[in-house]
């Protein structure tokens, strides 16, 4: 539970949750206020573009606050596979980890081509997502959601325009 987090760690968890909300707001074009065009999508997706920057921001948080040694100091492993950690260096997943899981797992499940972006720009975050996805209760929840909703992500015209952009990227 996040009840045991100190004030600084709780504030960092809130920051990460809000960053995830900003990312979902941006990819859904402010909850469908606008649809994607090739021009707007080109400004959003790609190395150095907004989506990439958001992912790198999450990754920076994971690397700065999550990689802790047993003494509580920041570790700098050679690769993400060499150490297991949570977003805030907590001994178990926090709200921050669950927010990152909810965001990135859905992106990749509903829009598989985005996995390349996520793994490239936020490998530590993706490692956290994979570890959480392997937990029986979360795996069962994701399976139920997939069975019930299929590929549905955000619905309506915004989903259609988002999927069309990703499909066009895959064909080019």
Protein backbone atom coordinates (compact mmCIF):
# COMPACT_ATOMS: atom_id res chain seq x y z
CA UNK A 1 0.00 0.00 0.00
CA UNK A 2 1.18 3.54 -0.66
CA UNK A 3 0.10 4.44 2.90
CA UNK A 4 3.62 3.62 4.09
CA UNK A 5 5.36 5.95 1.60
CA UNK A 6 7.14 8.97 3.02
CA UNK A 7 5.92 12.36 1.80
CA UNK A 8 8.62 12.75 -0.85
CA UNK A 9 8.01 9.29 -2.31
CA UNK A 10 4.24 9.84 -2.26
CA UNK A 11 4.73 13.12 -4.13
CA UNK A 12 6.88 11.35 -6.72
CA UNK A 13 4.21 8.66 -7.11
CA UNK A 14 1.64 11.38 -7.76
CA UNK A 15 3.95 13.03 -10.30
CA UNK A 16 4.28 9.76 -12.22
CA UNK A 17 0.52 9.15 -12.13
CA UNK A 18 -0.06 12.66 -13.47
CA UNK A 19 2.57 12.16 -16.18
CA UNK A 20 0.72 8.99 -17.25
CA UNK A 21 -2.53 10.95 -17.38
CA UNK A 22 -0.85 13.61 -19.52
CA UNK A 23 0.36 10.95 -21.94
CA UNK A 24 -3.08 9.34 -22.23
CA UNK A 25 -4.64 12.76 -22.71
CA UNK A 26 -2.20 13.57 -25.47
CA UNK A 27 -2.53 10.28 -27.35
CA UNK A 28 -6.33 10.52 -27.11
CA UNK A 29 -6.14 14.14 -28.32
CA UNK A 30 -7.67 15.54 -25.13
CA UNK A 31 -10.21 12.74 -24.88
CA UNK A 32 -11.21 12.98 -28.51
CA UNK A 33 -11.41 16.77 -28.88
CA UNK A 34 -9.56 16.33 -32.18
CA UNK A 35 -8.71 13.40 -34.39
CA UNK A 36 -5.23 12.57 -35.60
CA UNK A 37 -4.00 13.75 -38.98
CA UNK A 38 -0.77 12.64 -40.64
CA UNK A 39 0.71 16.05 -39.83
CA UNK A 40 -0.22 16.00 -36.13
CA UNK A 41 0.83 12.34 -35.81
CA UNK A 42 4.22 13.10 -37.41
CA UNK A 43 4.78 15.71 -34.70
CA UNK A 44 3.85 13.20 -32.01
CA UNK A 45 5.45 9.84 -32.85
CA UNK A 46 9.10 9.20 -33.66
CA UNK A 47 12.50 9.64 -32.07
CA UNK A 48 12.76 13.06 -30.48
CA UNK A 49 9.02 13.73 -30.86
CA UNK A 50 6.50 14.26 -28.05
CA UNK A 51 5.64 10.58 -27.43
CA UNK A 52 9.34 9.75 -27.28
CA UNK A 53 9.92 12.64 -24.85
CA UNK A 54 7.10 11.47 -22.59
CA UNK A 55 8.48 7.92 -22.55
CA UNK A 56 11.99 9.18 -21.81
CA UNK A 57 10.58 11.29 -18.99
CA UNK A 58 9.04 8.17 -17.40
CA UNK A 59 12.31 6.30 -17.95
CA UNK A 60 14.28 9.11 -16.28
CA UNK A 61 12.01 8.88 -13.25
CA UNK A 62 12.48 5.12 -13.08
CA UNK A 63 16.25 5.43 -13.38
CA UNK A 64 16.56 8.31 -10.95
CA UNK A 65 14.23 7.09 -8.22
CA UNK A 66 13.73 3.39 -8.86
CA UNK A 67 17.15 1.89 -9.01
CA UNK A 68 18.15 1.55 -5.40
CA UNK A 69 20.72 -0.65 -3.75
CA UNK A 70 20.01 -2.30 -0.42
CA UNK A 71 21.61 0.72 1.25
CA UNK A 72 19.09 3.06 -0.34
CA UNK A 73 21.49 4.73 -2.77
CA UNK A 74 20.85 4.94 -6.48
CA UNK A 75 22.37 2.10 -8.45
CA UNK A 76 23.47 2.32 -12.06
CA UNK A 77 23.25 -1.18 -13.54
CA UNK A 78 24.78 -1.92 -16.91
CA UNK A 79 21.47 -3.21 -18.25
CA UNK A 80 17.86 -3.29 -17.13
CA UNK A 81 18.04 -7.08 -16.95
CA UNK A 82 20.74 -6.95 -14.26
CA UNK A 83 18.50 -5.58 -11.52
CA UNK A 84 14.86 -5.65 -10.56
CA UNK A 85 13.40 -2.46 -9.19
CA UNK A 86 10.16 -0.55 -8.94
CA UNK A 87 9.56 3.01 -10.14
CA UNK A 88 10.28 4.62 -6.79
CA UNK A 89 12.75 2.18 -5.27
CA UNK A 90 10.04 0.71 -3.05
CA UNK A 91 10.25 -2.92 -1.94
CA UNK A 92 7.02 -3.71 -3.80
CA UNK A 93 5.00 -2.05 -6.58
CA UNK A 94 3.44 1.31 -5.75
CA UNK A 95 0.72 3.39 -7.35
CA UNK A 96 3.41 4.75 -9.69
CA UNK A 97 4.21 1.25 -10.97
CA UNK A 98 0.54 0.47 -11.47
CA UNK A 99 0.01 3.72 -13.40
CA UNK A 100 2.93 2.93 -15.71
CA UNK A 101 1.62 -0.62 -16.11
CA UNK A 102 -1.90 0.56 -16.94
CA UNK A 103 -0.59 3.04 -19.50
CA UNK A 104 2.12 1.08 -21.30
CA UNK A 105 0.53 -2.37 -21.14
CA UNK A 106 -2.61 -1.01 -22.80
CA UNK A 107 -0.64 0.88 -25.43
CA UNK A 108 1.24 -2.25 -26.42
CA UNK A 109 -1.74 -4.60 -26.15
CA UNK A 110 -4.05 -2.41 -28.21
CA UNK A 111 -1.42 -0.87 -30.50
CA UNK A 112 1.40 -3.45 -30.79
CA UNK A 113 3.63 -1.32 -33.05
CA UNK A 114 4.07 1.13 -30.15
CA UNK A 115 6.06 -1.54 -28.30
CA UNK A 116 9.12 -0.59 -30.33
CA UNK A 117 8.80 3.01 -29.15
CA UNK A 118 8.28 1.96 -25.53
CA UNK A 119 11.15 -0.54 -25.41
CA UNK A 120 13.55 1.88 -27.12
CA UNK A 121 12.73 4.96 -25.04
CA UNK A 122 11.71 3.39 -21.72
CA UNK A 123 13.31 -0.04 -21.30
CA UNK A 124 13.30 0.09 -17.50
CA UNK A 125 9.62 0.98 -17.48
CA UNK A 126 8.89 -1.84 -19.91
CA UNK A 127 10.75 -4.23 -17.60
CA UNK A 128 8.44 -3.17 -14.78
CA UNK A 129 5.40 -3.69 -17.03
CA UNK A 130 6.57 -7.18 -17.95
CA UNK A 131 7.14 -8.16 -14.32
CA UNK A 132 3.73 -6.88 -13.29
CA UNK A 133 2.07 -8.56 -16.30
CA UNK A 134 3.48 -11.87 -15.09
CA UNK A 135 1.62 -11.57 -11.80
CA UNK A 136 -1.32 -13.96 -11.83
CA UNK A 137 -3.97 -11.46 -10.71
CA UNK A 138 -2.96 -8.81 -13.25
CA UNK A 139 -2.60 -11.38 -16.04
CA UNK A 140 -6.12 -12.62 -15.30
CA UNK A 141 -7.48 -9.06 -15.27
CA UNK A 142 -5.83 -8.27 -18.62
CA UNK A 143 -7.17 -11.52 -20.10
CA UNK A 144 -10.71 -10.64 -18.97
CA UNK A 145 -10.41 -7.11 -20.37
CA UNK A 146 -9.12 -8.42 -23.67
CA UNK A 147 -11.91 -11.00 -23.92
CA UNK A 148 -14.52 -8.39 -23.10
CA UNK A 149 -13.22 -5.40 -25.05
CA UNK A 150 -10.99 -6.84 -27.74
CA UNK A 151 -8.80 -4.20 -29.34
CA UNK A 152 -10.99 -1.31 -28.14
CA UNK A 153 -8.82 1.40 -26.66
CA UNK A 154 -10.58 4.74 -26.48
CA UNK A 155 -13.45 4.26 -28.93
CA UNK A 156 -15.08 6.41 -31.54
CA UNK A 157 -13.45 8.63 -34.10
CA UNK A 158 -10.34 9.23 -32.01
CA UNK A 159 -9.62 5.50 -31.83
CA UNK A 160 -10.24 5.16 -35.57
CA UNK A 161 -7.85 8.01 -36.34
CA UNK A 162 -5.23 6.71 -33.89
CA UNK A 163 -5.33 3.19 -35.31
CA UNK A 164 -5.24 4.61 -38.85
CA UNK A 165 -2.05 6.52 -38.03
CA UNK A 166 -0.37 3.45 -36.57
CA UNK A 167 -1.50 1.31 -39.52
CA UNK A 168 -0.15 3.92 -41.97
CA UNK A 169 3.17 3.94 -40.11
CA UNK A 170 3.37 0.17 -40.44
CA UNK A 171 2.71 0.31 -44.17
CA UNK A 172 5.35 2.95 -44.86
